[in-house]
């Protein structure tokens, strides 16, 4: 199943995302509704992990970077509506 995860960390945002990308997470997906759906800055998508795994990988990644995972919610990606957004600059 696909999931999304959203999180807050106080520092090392780019490093965190890059490590999560290495685990297969994405900050955008191709979609017929949006062509490309760009997720909010602290939200990532994974096509095949479950919510518990995503939360634990976020926790492990934050520990590895010595930053605090202040908030984190992971959930199944199913029925959704979005504003497609634009690439981050």
PDB file of N, CA and C in Angstrom:
ATOM      1  N   UNK A   1       0.828  -1.182   0.000  1.00  0.00           N
ATOM      2  CA  UNK A   1       0.000   0.000   0.000  1.00  0.00           C
ATOM      3  C   UNK A   1       0.875   1.249   0.000  1.00  0.00           C
ATOM      4  N   UNK A   2       0.412   2.317  -0.560  1.00  0.00           N
ATOM      5  CA  UNK A   2       1.141   3.581  -0.576  1.00  0.00           C
ATOM      6  C   UNK A   2       0.802   4.372   0.690  1.00  0.00           C
ATOM      7  N   UNK A   3       1.753   5.172   1.143  1.00  0.00           N
ATOM      8  CA  UNK A   3       1.547   6.010   2.335  1.00  0.00           C
ATOM      9  C   UNK A   3       2.055   7.421   2.064  1.00  0.00           C
ATOM     10  N   UNK A   4       1.589   8.355   2.890  1.00  0.00           N
ATOM     11  CA  UNK A   4       2.244   9.657   3.004  1.00  0.00           C
ATOM     12  C   UNK A   4       2.653   9.824   4.455  1.00  0.00           C
ATOM     13  N   UNK A   5       3.709  10.584   4.646  1.00  0.00           N
ATOM     14  CA  UNK A   5       4.198  10.895   5.983  1.00  0.00           C
ATOM     15  C   UNK A   5       4.457  12.389   6.032  1.00  0.00           C
ATOM     16  N   UNK A   6       4.024  13.008   7.105  1.00  0.00           N
ATOM     17  CA  UNK A   6       4.307  14.417   7.319  1.00  0.00           C
ATOM     18  C   UNK A   6       4.984  14.554   8.677  1.00  0.00           C
ATOM     19  N   UNK A   7       5.888  15.494   8.801  1.00  0.00           N
ATOM     20  CA  UNK A   7       6.739  15.553   9.984  1.00  0.00           C
ATOM     21  C   UNK A   7       7.215  16.987  10.223  1.00  0.00           C
ATOM     22  N   UNK A   8       7.663  17.241  11.438  1.00  0.00           N
ATOM     23  CA  UNK A   8       8.336  18.495  11.789  1.00  0.00           C
ATOM     24  C   UNK A   8       9.653  18.153  12.458  1.00  0.00           C
ATOM     25  N   UNK A   9      10.711  18.790  11.988  1.00  0.00           N
ATOM     26  CA  UNK A   9      12.024  18.707  12.624  1.00  0.00           C
ATOM     27  C   UNK A   9      12.576  20.123  12.712  1.00  0.00           C
ATOM     28  N   UNK A  10      13.351  20.438  13.749  1.00  0.00           N
ATOM     29  CA  UNK A  10      13.828  21.818  13.915  1.00  0.00           C
ATOM     30  C   UNK A  10      15.020  22.183  13.030  1.00  0.00           C
ATOM     31  N   UNK A  11      15.797  21.192  12.613  1.00  0.00           N
ATOM     32  CA  UNK A  11      17.013  21.462  11.833  1.00  0.00           C
ATOM     33  C   UNK A  11      17.248  20.332  10.838  1.00  0.00           C
ATOM     34  N   UNK A  12      18.174  20.551   9.932  1.00  0.00           N
ATOM     35  CA  UNK A  12      18.668  19.537   8.992  1.00  0.00           C
ATOM     36  C   UNK A  12      17.589  19.011   8.049  1.00  0.00           C
ATOM     37  N   UNK A  13      16.718  19.924   7.590  1.00  0.00           N
ATOM     38  CA  UNK A  13      15.625  19.533   6.694  1.00  0.00           C
ATOM     39  C   UNK A  13      16.128  18.868   5.411  1.00  0.00           C
ATOM     40  N   UNK A  14      17.076  19.490   4.751  1.00  0.00           N
ATOM     41  CA  UNK A  14      17.566  18.955   3.482  1.00  0.00           C
ATOM     42  C   UNK A  14      18.239  17.597   3.680  1.00  0.00           C
ATOM     43  N   UNK A  15      19.044  17.471   4.728  1.00  0.00           N
ATOM     44  CA  UNK A  15      19.714  16.205   5.001  1.00  0.00           C
ATOM     45  C   UNK A  15      18.691  15.103   5.298  1.00  0.00           C
ATOM     46  N   UNK A  16      17.660  15.449   6.057  1.00  0.00           N
ATOM     47  CA  UNK A  16      16.607  14.482   6.382  1.00  0.00           C
ATOM     48  C   UNK A  16      15.928  13.993   5.111  1.00  0.00           C
ATOM     49  N   UNK A  17      15.508  14.923   4.263  1.00  0.00           N
ATOM     50  CA  UNK A  17      14.835  14.529   3.028  1.00  0.00           C
ATOM     51  C   UNK A  17      15.738  13.668   2.146  1.00  0.00           C
ATOM     52  N   UNK A  18      16.997  14.046   2.039  1.00  0.00           N
ATOM     53  CA  UNK A  18      17.914  13.276   1.196  1.00  0.00           C
ATOM     54  C   UNK A  18      18.073  11.843   1.695  1.00  0.00           C
ATOM     55  N   UNK A  19      18.143  11.650   3.004  1.00  0.00           N
ATOM     56  CA  UNK A  19      18.231  10.295   3.544  1.00  0.00           C
ATOM     57  C   UNK A  19      16.930   9.524   3.315  1.00  0.00           C
ATOM     58  N   UNK A  20      15.814  10.204   3.448  1.00  0.00           N
ATOM     59  CA  UNK A  20      14.530   9.543   3.187  1.00  0.00           C
ATOM     60  C   UNK A  20      14.396   9.194   1.702  1.00  0.00           C
ATOM     61  N   UNK A  21      14.903  10.052   0.821  1.00  0.00           N
ATOM     62  CA  UNK A  21      14.892   9.738  -0.615  1.00  0.00           C
ATOM     63  C   UNK A  21      15.660   8.445  -0.875  1.00  0.00           C
ATOM     64  N   UNK A  22      16.761   8.247  -0.156  1.00  0.00           N
ATOM     65  CA  UNK A  22      17.552   7.025  -0.328  1.00  0.00           C
ATOM     66  C   UNK A  22      16.765   5.772   0.077  1.00  0.00           C
ATOM     67  N   UNK A  23      15.741   5.961   0.915  1.00  0.00           N
ATOM     68  CA  UNK A  23      14.886   4.851   1.339  1.00  0.00           C
ATOM     69  C   UNK A  23      13.669   4.677   0.425  1.00  0.00           C
ATOM     70  N   UNK A  24      13.622   5.464  -0.653  1.00  0.00           N
ATOM     71  CA  UNK A  24      12.555   5.324  -1.630  1.00  0.00           C
ATOM     72  C   UNK A  24      11.407   6.307  -1.507  1.00  0.00           C
ATOM     73  N   UNK A  25      11.496   7.253  -0.578  1.00  0.00           N
ATOM     74  CA  UNK A  25      10.445   8.263  -0.423  1.00  0.00           C
ATOM     75  C   UNK A  25      10.588   9.319  -1.514  1.00  0.00           C
ATOM     76  N   UNK A  26       9.482   9.976  -1.836  1.00  0.00           N
ATOM     77  CA  UNK A  26       9.471  10.989  -2.887  1.00  0.00           C
ATOM     78  C   UNK A  26       8.727  12.223  -2.380  1.00  0.00           C
ATOM     79  N   UNK A  27       9.108  13.387  -2.894  1.00  0.00           N
ATOM     80  CA  UNK A  27       8.393  14.612  -2.531  1.00  0.00           C
ATOM     81  C   UNK A  27       7.454  15.069  -3.643  1.00  0.00           C
ATOM     82  N   UNK A  28       7.334  14.246  -4.677  1.00  0.00           N
ATOM     83  CA  UNK A  28       6.398  14.509  -5.765  1.00  0.00           C
ATOM     84  C   UNK A  28       6.082  13.186  -6.445  1.00  0.00           C
ATOM     85  N   UNK A  29       4.902  13.126  -7.061  1.00  0.00           N
ATOM     86  CA  UNK A  29       4.538  11.926  -7.809  1.00  0.00           C
ATOM     87  C   UNK A  29       3.847  12.339  -9.100  1.00  0.00           C
ATOM     88  N   UNK A  30       3.951  11.483 -10.087  1.00  0.00           N
ATOM     89  CA  UNK A  30       3.197  11.673 -11.328  1.00  0.00           C
ATOM     90  C   UNK A  30       1.780  11.187 -11.081  1.00  0.00           C
ATOM     91  N   UNK A  31       0.826  11.949 -11.601  1.00  0.00           N
ATOM     92  CA  UNK A  31      -0.563  11.600 -11.365  1.00  0.00           C
ATOM     93  C   UNK A  31      -1.421  12.117 -12.505  1.00  0.00           C
ATOM     94  N   UNK A  32      -2.448  11.394 -12.854  1.00  0.00           N
ATOM     95  CA  UNK A  32      -3.308  11.817 -13.964  1.00  0.00           C
ATOM     96  C   UNK A  32      -4.093  13.085 -13.634  1.00  0.00           C
ATOM     97  N   UNK A  33      -4.400  13.315 -12.365  1.00  0.00           N
ATOM     98  CA  UNK A  33      -5.140  14.508 -11.973  1.00  0.00           C
ATOM     99  C   UNK A  33      -4.268  15.761 -12.076  1.00  0.00           C
ATOM    100  N   UNK A  34      -3.038  15.671 -11.605  1.00  0.00           N
ATOM    101  CA  UNK A  34      -2.156  16.836 -11.524  1.00  0.00           C
ATOM    102  C   UNK A  34      -1.010  16.800 -12.529  1.00  0.00           C
ATOM    103  N   UNK A  35      -0.818  15.738 -13.225  1.00  0.00           N
ATOM    104  CA  UNK A  35       0.383  15.488 -14.030  1.00  0.00           C
ATOM    105  C   UNK A  35       1.550  15.266 -13.082  1.00  0.00           C
ATOM    106  N   UNK A  36       1.929  16.292 -12.306  1.00  0.00           N
ATOM    107  CA  UNK A  36       2.884  16.117 -11.206  1.00  0.00           C
ATOM    108  C   UNK A  36       2.253  16.732  -9.961  1.00  0.00           C
ATOM    109  N   UNK A  37       2.176  15.947  -8.897  1.00  0.00           N
ATOM    110  CA  UNK A  37       1.680  16.430  -7.614  1.00  0.00           C
ATOM    111  C   UNK A  37       2.885  16.683  -6.723  1.00  0.00           C
ATOM    112  N   UNK A  38       3.086  17.929  -6.333  1.00  0.00           N
ATOM    113  CA  UNK A  38       4.189  18.316  -5.457  1.00  0.00           C
ATOM    114  C   UNK A  38       3.662  18.366  -4.026  1.00  0.00           C
ATOM    115  N   UNK A  39       4.233  17.559  -3.154  1.00  0.00           N
ATOM    116  CA  UNK A  39       3.788  17.528  -1.764  1.00  0.00           C
ATOM    117  C   UNK A  39       4.305  18.739  -0.996  1.00  0.00           C
ATOM    118  N   UNK A  40       3.617  19.122   0.095  1.00  0.00           N
ATOM    119  CA  UNK A  40       4.124  20.189   0.954  1.00  0.00           C
ATOM    120  C   UNK A  40       5.540  19.867   1.453  1.00  0.00           C
ATOM    121  N   UNK A  41       6.234  20.867   1.889  1.00  0.00           N
ATOM    122  CA  UNK A  41       7.657  20.788   2.214  1.00  0.00           C
ATOM    123  C   UNK A  41       8.035  19.645   3.148  1.00  0.00           C
ATOM    124  N   UNK A  42       7.232  19.353   4.150  1.00  0.00           N
ATOM    125  CA  UNK A  42       7.595  18.285   5.097  1.00  0.00           C
ATOM    126  C   UNK A  42       6.650  17.088   4.975  1.00  0.00           C
ATOM    127  N   UNK A  43       6.297  16.761   3.751  1.00  0.00           N
ATOM    128  CA  UNK A  43       5.466  15.595   3.467  1.00  0.00           C
ATOM    129  C   UNK A  43       6.152  14.766   2.390  1.00  0.00           C
ATOM    130  N   UNK A  44       6.182  13.465   2.593  1.00  0.00           N
ATOM    131  CA  UNK A  44       6.787  12.552   1.633  1.00  0.00           C
ATOM    132  C   UNK A  44       5.821  11.412   1.323  1.00  0.00           C
ATOM    133  N   UNK A  45       6.053  10.768   0.214  1.00  0.00           N
ATOM    134  CA  UNK A  45       5.235   9.661  -0.284  1.00  0.00           C
ATOM    135  C   UNK A  45       6.112   8.431  -0.450  1.00  0.00           C
ATOM    136  N   UNK A  46       5.561   7.278  -0.152  1.00  0.00           N
ATOM    137  CA  UNK A  46       6.234   6.025  -0.495  1.00  0.00           C
ATOM    138  C   UNK A  46       5.195   5.091  -1.102  1.00  0.00           C
ATOM    139  N   UNK A  47       5.507   4.459  -2.239  1.00  0.00           N
ATOM    140  CA  UNK A  47       4.498   3.663  -2.937  1.00  0.00           C
ATOM    141  C   UNK A  47       4.162   2.317  -2.303  1.00  0.00           C
ATOM    142  N   UNK A  48       4.991   1.819  -1.374  1.00  0.00           N
ATOM    143  CA  UNK A  48       4.749   0.449  -0.922  1.00  0.00           C
ATOM    144  C   UNK A  48       5.015   0.180   0.559  1.00  0.00           C
ATOM    145  N   UNK A  49       5.278   1.188   1.353  1.00  0.00           N
ATOM    146  CA  UNK A  49       5.519   0.948   2.787  1.00  0.00           C
ATOM    147  C   UNK A  49       4.243   1.189   3.575  1.00  0.00           C
ATOM    148  N   UNK A  50       4.214   0.703   4.808  1.00  0.00           N
ATOM    149  CA  UNK A  50       3.061   0.974   5.659  1.00  0.00           C
ATOM    150  C   UNK A  50       3.377   2.120   6.618  1.00  0.00           C
ATOM    151  N   UNK A  51       2.357   2.607   7.310  1.00  0.00           N
ATOM    152  CA  UNK A  51       2.503   3.784   8.161  1.00  0.00           C
ATOM    153  C   UNK A  51       3.494   3.563   9.298  1.00  0.00           C
ATOM    154  N   UNK A  52       3.469   2.402   9.911  1.00  0.00           N
ATOM    155  CA  UNK A  52       4.379   2.132  11.029  1.00  0.00           C
ATOM    156  C   UNK A  52       5.826   2.135  10.562  1.00  0.00           C
ATOM    157  N   UNK A  53       6.096   1.510   9.439  1.00  0.00           N
ATOM    158  CA  UNK A  53       7.457   1.504   8.894  1.00  0.00           C
ATOM    159  C   UNK A  53       7.911   2.917   8.579  1.00  0.00           C
ATOM    160  N   UNK A  54       7.050   3.715   7.978  1.00  0.00           N
ATOM    161  CA  UNK A  54       7.405   5.099   7.641  1.00  0.00           C
ATOM    162  C   UNK A  54       7.745   5.899   8.891  1.00  0.00           C
ATOM    163  N   UNK A  55       6.916   5.768   9.926  1.00  0.00           N
ATOM    164  CA  UNK A  55       7.195   6.479  11.181  1.00  0.00           C
ATOM    165  C   UNK A  55       8.534   6.050  11.762  1.00  0.00           C
ATOM    166  N   UNK A  56       8.811   4.761  11.774  1.00  0.00           N
ATOM    167  CA  UNK A  56      10.064   4.274  12.345  1.00  0.00           C
ATOM    168  C   UNK A  56      11.267   4.709  11.516  1.00  0.00           C
ATOM    169  N   UNK A  57      11.132   4.728  10.200  1.00  0.00           N
ATOM    170  CA  UNK A  57      12.247   5.206   9.365  1.00  0.00           C
ATOM    171  C   UNK A  57      12.481   6.698   9.571  1.00  0.00           C
ATOM    172  N   UNK A  58      11.420   7.465   9.771  1.00  0.00           N
ATOM    173  CA  UNK A  58      11.592   8.892  10.077  1.00  0.00           C
ATOM    174  C   UNK A  58      12.286   9.058  11.429  1.00  0.00           C
ATOM    175  N   UNK A  59      11.875   8.284  12.403  1.00  0.00           N
ATOM    176  CA  UNK A  59      12.493   8.353  13.738  1.00  0.00           C
ATOM    177  C   UNK A  59      13.981   7.995  13.661  1.00  0.00           C
ATOM    178  N   UNK A  60      14.307   6.928  12.959  1.00  0.00           N
ATOM    179  CA  UNK A  60      15.696   6.490  12.815  1.00  0.00           C
ATOM    180  C   UNK A  60      16.522   7.528  12.060  1.00  0.00           C
ATOM    181  N   UNK A  61      15.944   8.109  11.028  1.00  0.00           N
ATOM    182  CA  UNK A  61      16.653   9.124  10.241  1.00  0.00           C
ATOM    183  C   UNK A  61      16.937  10.354  11.087  1.00  0.00           C
ATOM    184  N   UNK A  62      15.969  10.793  11.874  1.00  0.00           N
ATOM    185  CA  UNK A  62      16.180  11.947  12.753  1.00  0.00           C
ATOM    186  C   UNK A  62      17.276  11.653  13.780  1.00  0.00           C
ATOM    187  N   UNK A  63      17.249  10.473  14.362  1.00  0.00           N
ATOM    188  CA  UNK A  63      18.302  10.099  15.321  1.00  0.00           C
ATOM    189  C   UNK A  63      19.669  10.095  14.653  1.00  0.00           C
ATOM    190  N   UNK A  64      19.730   9.549  13.461  1.00  0.00           N
ATOM    191  CA  UNK A  64      20.998   9.500  12.715  1.00  0.00           C
ATOM    192  C   UNK A  64      21.564  10.905  12.498  1.00  0.00           C
ATOM    193  N   UNK A  65      20.672  11.874  12.262  1.00  0.00           N
ATOM    194  CA  UNK A  65      21.096  13.255  12.016  1.00  0.00           C
ATOM    195  C   UNK A  65      21.227  14.070  13.300  1.00  0.00           C
ATOM    196  N   UNK A  66      20.888  13.451  14.427  1.00  0.00           N
ATOM    197  CA  UNK A  66      20.928  14.136  15.725  1.00  0.00           C
ATOM    198  C   UNK A  66      20.028  15.371  15.724  1.00  0.00           C
ATOM    199  N   UNK A  67      18.830  15.192  15.185  1.00  0.00           N
ATOM    200  CA  UNK A  67      17.807  16.227  15.246  1.00  0.00           C
ATOM    201  C   UNK A  67      16.560  15.605  15.866  1.00  0.00           C
ATOM    202  N   UNK A  68      15.647  16.443  16.303  1.00  0.00           N
ATOM    203  CA  UNK A  68      14.463  15.974  17.009  1.00  0.00           C
ATOM    204  C   UNK A  68      13.275  15.842  16.055  1.00  0.00           C
ATOM    205  N   UNK A  69      12.671  14.675  16.010  1.00  0.00           N
ATOM    206  CA  UNK A  69      11.440  14.470  15.259  1.00  0.00           C
ATOM    207  C   UNK A  69      10.313  14.950  16.173  1.00  0.00           C
ATOM    208  N   UNK A  70       9.888  16.211  15.971  1.00  0.00           N
ATOM    209  CA  UNK A  70       8.937  16.845  16.888  1.00  0.00           C
ATOM    210  C   UNK A  70       7.511  16.349  16.691  1.00  0.00           C
ATOM    211  N   UNK A  71       7.125  16.139  15.449  1.00  0.00           N
ATOM    212  CA  UNK A  71       5.793  15.657  15.102  1.00  0.00           C
ATOM    213  C   UNK A  71       5.921  14.745  13.901  1.00  0.00           C
ATOM    214  N   UNK A  72       5.035  13.756  13.828  1.00  0.00           N
ATOM    215  CA  UNK A  72       5.088  12.840  12.692  1.00  0.00           C
ATOM    216  C   UNK A  72       3.756  12.112  12.581  1.00  0.00           C
ATOM    217  N   UNK A  73       3.197  12.123  11.394  1.00  0.00           N
ATOM    218  CA  UNK A  73       1.986  11.362  11.104  1.00  0.00           C
ATOM    219  C   UNK A  73       2.203  10.653   9.781  1.00  0.00           C
ATOM    220  N   UNK A  74       1.974   9.365   9.776  1.00  0.00           N
ATOM    221  CA  UNK A  74       2.029   8.573   8.547  1.00  0.00           C
ATOM    222  C   UNK A  74       0.681   7.890   8.388  1.00  0.00           C
ATOM    223  N   UNK A  75       0.194   7.847   7.159  1.00  0.00           N
ATOM    224  CA  UNK A  75      -1.109   7.246   6.918  1.00  0.00           C
ATOM    225  C   UNK A  75      -1.195   6.686   5.504  1.00  0.00           C
ATOM    226  N   UNK A  76      -2.146   5.795   5.315  1.00  0.00           N
ATOM    227  CA  UNK A  76      -2.358   5.208   3.998  1.00  0.00           C
ATOM    228  C   UNK A  76      -2.806   6.279   3.007  1.00  0.00           C
ATOM    229  N   UNK A  77      -2.262   6.210   1.816  1.00  0.00           N
ATOM    230  CA  UNK A  77      -2.604   7.127   0.727  1.00  0.00           C
ATOM    231  C   UNK A  77      -3.744   6.502  -0.048  1.00  0.00           C
ATOM    232  N   UNK A  78      -4.936   7.081   0.071  1.00  0.00           N
ATOM    233  CA  UNK A  78      -6.067   6.484  -0.640  1.00  0.00           C
ATOM    234  C   UNK A  78      -6.906   7.583  -1.289  1.00  0.00           C
ATOM    235  N   UNK A  79      -8.022   7.927  -0.713  1.00  0.00           N
ATOM    236  CA  UNK A  79      -8.911   8.939  -1.277  1.00  0.00           C
ATOM    237  C   UNK A  79      -8.339  10.318  -0.962  1.00  0.00           C
ATOM    238  N   UNK A  80      -8.033  11.103  -1.981  1.00  0.00           N
ATOM    239  CA  UNK A  80      -7.369  12.375  -1.730  1.00  0.00           C
ATOM    240  C   UNK A  80      -7.848  13.463  -2.675  1.00  0.00           C
ATOM    241  N   UNK A  81      -7.605  14.694  -2.255  1.00  0.00           N
ATOM    242  CA  UNK A  81      -7.833  15.887  -3.070  1.00  0.00           C
ATOM    243  C   UNK A  81      -6.637  16.790  -2.828  1.00  0.00           C
ATOM    244  N   UNK A  82      -6.203  17.528  -3.825  1.00  0.00           N
ATOM    245  CA  UNK A  82      -4.966  18.304  -3.671  1.00  0.00           C
ATOM    246  C   UNK A  82      -4.983  19.581  -4.495  1.00  0.00           C
ATOM    247  N   UNK A  83      -4.152  20.498  -4.096  1.00  0.00           N
ATOM    248  CA  UNK A  83      -3.706  21.600  -4.940  1.00  0.00           C
ATOM    249  C   UNK A  83      -2.340  21.136  -5.425  1.00  0.00           C
ATOM    250  N   UNK A  84      -2.186  20.998  -6.721  1.00  0.00           N
ATOM    251  CA  UNK A  84      -1.021  20.306  -7.285  1.00  0.00           C
ATOM    252  C   UNK A  84       0.321  20.960  -6.966  1.00  0.00           C
ATOM    253  N   UNK A  85       0.368  22.249  -6.797  1.00  0.00           N
ATOM    254  CA  UNK A  85       1.597  22.928  -6.419  1.00  0.00           C
ATOM    255  C   UNK A  85       2.600  23.061  -7.551  1.00  0.00           C
ATOM    256  N   UNK A  86       3.731  23.617  -7.199  1.00  0.00           N
ATOM    257  CA  UNK A  86       4.838  23.838  -8.119  1.00  0.00           C
ATOM    258  C   UNK A  86       6.112  23.331  -7.474  1.00  0.00           C
ATOM    259  N   UNK A  87       7.148  23.084  -8.263  1.00  0.00           N
ATOM    260  CA  UNK A  87       8.414  22.619  -7.673  1.00  0.00           C
ATOM    261  C   UNK A  87       8.962  23.631  -6.666  1.00  0.00           C
ATOM    262  N   UNK A  88       9.650  23.143  -5.639  1.00  0.00           N
ATOM    263  CA  UNK A  88      10.334  24.027  -4.698  1.00  0.00           C
ATOM    264  C   UNK A  88      11.525  24.656  -5.380  1.00  0.00           C
ATOM    265  N   UNK A  89      11.777  25.884  -5.023  1.00  0.00           N
ATOM    266  CA  UNK A  89      12.909  26.616  -5.596  1.00  0.00           C
ATOM    267  C   UNK A  89      14.060  26.646  -4.653  1.00  0.00           C
TER     268      UNK A  89
END
